[in-house]
Amino acid sequence: GMDRIGAKRDLLTAYLEFIIEDVSNRNSKKCSFEIITPSDKLKRGSQLSILIHGQGKSLFDNLTKKGVISDWREPNVIRIAPVPLYNSFEDCYNFGLYLEQAIE
């Protein structure tokens, strides 16, 4: 039911937030990320807006080449949303790998 879909949405988004912060911490000399979406799950749904410090649209382009479907917003924001009916925790993990690989 919808309650289980909502619960999976919240878990996927929290896991993805953790992964993004981990990649940011490990690569802070080259590039760092700031999640500008509210951390309160009631205010964000599944969408995360990531402010990129140290790189620009080339990082988004590299993610797109790897098959990541996301949205670019000027000046340096990537918006992503794990969808509970279509995405898995493995997809979130792979996004972290692709994000790290995309850092130039």
C-alpha atoms as a PDB file:
ATOM      1  CA  GLY A   1       0.000   0.000   0.000  1.00  0.00           C
ATOM      2  CA  MET A   2       0.881   3.672  -0.016  1.00  0.00           C
ATOM      3  CA  ASP A   3       2.281   3.531   3.519  1.00  0.00           C
ATOM      4  CA  ARG A   4       4.938   1.032   2.428  1.00  0.00           C
ATOM      5  CA  ILE A   5       5.764   3.061  -0.685  1.00  0.00           C
ATOM      6  CA  GLY A   6       6.170   6.187   1.461  1.00  0.00           C
ATOM      7  CA  ALA A   7       8.372   4.321   3.922  1.00  0.00           C
ATOM      8  CA  LYS A   8      10.607   3.049   1.107  1.00  0.00           C
ATOM      9  CA  ARG A   9      10.782   6.581  -0.332  1.00  0.00           C
ATOM     10  CA  ASP A  10      11.996   7.936   2.994  1.00  0.00           C
ATOM     11  CA  LEU A  11      14.579   5.164   3.434  1.00  0.00           C
ATOM     12  CA  LEU A  12      15.886   5.477  -0.146  1.00  0.00           C
ATOM     13  CA  THR A  13      16.221   9.243   0.145  1.00  0.00           C
ATOM     14  CA  ALA A  14      17.960   9.056   3.531  1.00  0.00           C
ATOM     15  CA  TYR A  15      20.351   6.411   2.187  1.00  0.00           C
ATOM     16  CA  LEU A  16      21.099   8.525  -0.884  1.00  0.00           C
ATOM     17  CA  GLU A  17      21.717  11.560   1.335  1.00  0.00           C
ATOM     18  CA  PHE A  18      24.194   9.491   3.387  1.00  0.00           C
ATOM     19  CA  ILE A  19      25.992   8.348   0.224  1.00  0.00           C
ATOM     20  CA  ILE A  20      26.279  11.891  -1.161  1.00  0.00           C
ATOM     21  CA  GLU A  21      27.682  13.183   2.122  1.00  0.00           C
ATOM     22  CA  ASP A  22      30.176  10.294   2.247  1.00  0.00           C
ATOM     23  CA  VAL A  23      31.398  10.968  -1.305  1.00  0.00           C
ATOM     24  CA  SER A  24      31.667  14.667  -0.472  1.00  0.00           C
ATOM     25  CA  ASN A  25      33.725  14.011   2.665  1.00  0.00           C
ATOM     26  CA  ARG A  26      36.120  11.667   0.857  1.00  0.00           C
ATOM     27  CA  ASN A  27      36.652  14.034  -2.088  1.00  0.00           C
ATOM     28  CA  SER A  28      36.493  17.441  -0.407  1.00  0.00           C
ATOM     29  CA  LYS A  29      39.839  18.594  -1.846  1.00  0.00           C
ATOM     30  CA  LYS A  30      38.546  18.203  -5.428  1.00  0.00           C
ATOM     31  CA  CYS A  31      34.855  18.845  -5.007  1.00  0.00           C
ATOM     32  CA  SER A  32      32.244  18.903  -2.274  1.00  0.00           C
ATOM     33  CA  PHE A  33      28.481  18.724  -2.158  1.00  0.00           C
ATOM     34  CA  GLU A  34      25.913  20.505  -0.057  1.00  0.00           C
ATOM     35  CA  ILE A  35      22.389  19.134   0.044  1.00  0.00           C
ATOM     36  CA  ILE A  36      20.184  22.210   0.031  1.00  0.00           C
ATOM     37  CA  THR A  37      16.888  20.327   0.260  1.00  0.00           C
ATOM     38  CA  PRO A  38      15.464  20.276   3.808  1.00  0.00           C
ATOM     39  CA  SER A  39      16.624  17.215   5.743  1.00  0.00           C
ATOM     40  CA  ASP A  40      13.143  16.788   7.255  1.00  0.00           C
ATOM     41  CA  LYS A  41      11.514  13.951   5.307  1.00  0.00           C
ATOM     42  CA  LEU A  42       8.121  15.632   5.609  1.00  0.00           C
ATOM     43  CA  LYS A  43       9.412  18.691   3.725  1.00  0.00           C
ATOM     44  CA  ARG A  44      11.353  17.038   0.905  1.00  0.00           C
ATOM     45  CA  GLY A  45       9.691  13.879  -0.339  1.00  0.00           C
ATOM     46  CA  SER A  46      12.237  11.961  -2.395  1.00  0.00           C
ATOM     47  CA  GLN A  47      13.889  14.886  -4.195  1.00  0.00           C
ATOM     48  CA  LEU A  48      17.390  16.067  -3.255  1.00  0.00           C
ATOM     49  CA  SER A  49      19.011  19.236  -4.594  1.00  0.00           C
ATOM     50  CA  ILE A  50      22.795  19.057  -4.455  1.00  0.00           C
ATOM     51  CA  LEU A  51      24.839  22.253  -4.609  1.00  0.00           C
ATOM     52  CA  ILE A  52      28.211  21.434  -6.165  1.00  0.00           C
ATOM     53  CA  HIS A  53      31.262  23.266  -4.840  1.00  0.00           C
ATOM     54  CA  GLY A  54      34.365  23.097  -7.014  1.00  0.00           C
ATOM     55  CA  GLN A  55      32.878  21.776 -10.255  1.00  0.00           C
ATOM     56  CA  GLY A  56      30.110  22.672 -12.582  1.00  0.00           C
ATOM     57  CA  LYS A  57      27.986  21.233 -15.335  1.00  0.00           C
ATOM     58  CA  SER A  58      30.753  18.844 -16.440  1.00  0.00           C
ATOM     59  CA  LEU A  59      30.000  16.714 -13.373  1.00  0.00           C
ATOM     60  CA  PHE A  60      26.314  16.572 -14.381  1.00  0.00           C
ATOM     61  CA  ASP A  61      27.314  15.702 -17.953  1.00  0.00           C
ATOM     62  CA  ASN A  62      29.558  12.874 -16.721  1.00  0.00           C
ATOM     63  CA  LEU A  63      26.700  11.472 -14.622  1.00  0.00           C
ATOM     64  CA  THR A  64      24.365  11.654 -17.612  1.00  0.00           C
ATOM     65  CA  LYS A  65      26.862   9.673 -19.723  1.00  0.00           C
ATOM     66  CA  LYS A  66      26.724   6.950 -17.058  1.00  0.00           C
ATOM     67  CA  GLY A  67      22.933   6.731 -17.419  1.00  0.00           C
ATOM     68  CA  VAL A  68      21.923   8.820 -14.398  1.00  0.00           C
ATOM     69  CA  ILE A  69      18.684  10.689 -15.017  1.00  0.00           C
ATOM     70  CA  SER A  70      18.775  13.944 -13.098  1.00  0.00           C
ATOM     71  CA  ASP A  71      18.110  17.643 -13.555  1.00  0.00           C
ATOM     72  CA  TRP A  72      20.588  20.530 -13.858  1.00  0.00           C
ATOM     73  CA  ARG A  73      19.801  23.953 -12.367  1.00  0.00           C
ATOM     74  CA  GLU A  74      22.054  26.976 -12.742  1.00  0.00           C
ATOM     75  CA  PRO A  75      24.414  27.883 -11.318  1.00  0.00           C
ATOM     76  CA  ASN A  76      25.627  24.571  -9.781  1.00  0.00           C
ATOM     77  CA  VAL A  77      22.738  22.384  -8.649  1.00  0.00           C
ATOM     78  CA  ILE A  78      21.900  18.802  -9.554  1.00  0.00           C
ATOM     79  CA  ARG A  79      18.453  17.556  -8.579  1.00  0.00           C
ATOM     80  CA  ILE A  80      17.868  13.833  -8.140  1.00  0.00           C
ATOM     81  CA  ALA A  81      14.942  11.800  -6.856  1.00  0.00           C
ATOM     82  CA  PRO A  82      14.972   8.088  -6.072  1.00  0.00           C
ATOM     83  CA  VAL A  83      11.512   6.785  -6.953  1.00  0.00           C
ATOM     84  CA  PRO A  84      10.414   3.937  -4.668  1.00  0.00           C
ATOM     85  CA  LEU A  85       8.482   2.095  -7.373  1.00  0.00           C
ATOM     86  CA  TYR A  86      11.434   2.091  -9.774  1.00  0.00           C
ATOM     87  CA  ASN A  87      14.665   2.546  -7.818  1.00  0.00           C
ATOM     88  CA  SER A  88      16.455   0.251  -5.411  1.00  0.00           C
ATOM     89  CA  PHE A  89      19.036   0.711  -2.677  1.00  0.00           C
ATOM     90  CA  GLU A  90      21.547  -0.721  -5.147  1.00  0.00           C
ATOM     91  CA  ASP A  91      20.678   2.106  -7.559  1.00  0.00           C
ATOM     92  CA  CYS A  92      21.493   4.616  -4.796  1.00  0.00           C
ATOM     93  CA  TYR A  93      24.775   2.858  -4.070  1.00  0.00           C
ATOM     94  CA  ASN A  94      25.662   2.893  -7.776  1.00  0.00           C
ATOM     95  CA  PHE A  95      24.858   6.594  -7.940  1.00  0.00           C
ATOM     96  CA  GLY A  96      27.505   7.138  -5.263  1.00  0.00           C
ATOM     97  CA  LEU A  97      30.039   5.202  -7.345  1.00  0.00           C
ATOM     98  CA  TYR A  98      29.127   7.178 -10.467  1.00  0.00           C
ATOM     99  CA  LEU A  99      29.267  10.456  -8.548  1.00  0.00           C
ATOM    100  CA  GLU A 100      32.759   9.680  -7.306  1.00  0.00           C
ATOM    101  CA  GLN A 101      33.873   8.652 -10.810  1.00  0.00           C
ATOM    102  CA  ALA A 102      32.379  11.832 -12.318  1.00  0.00           C
ATOM    103  CA  ILE A 103      34.521  14.109 -10.139  1.00  0.00           C
ATOM    104  CA  GLU A 104      37.284  15.471 -12.341  1.00  0.00           C
END
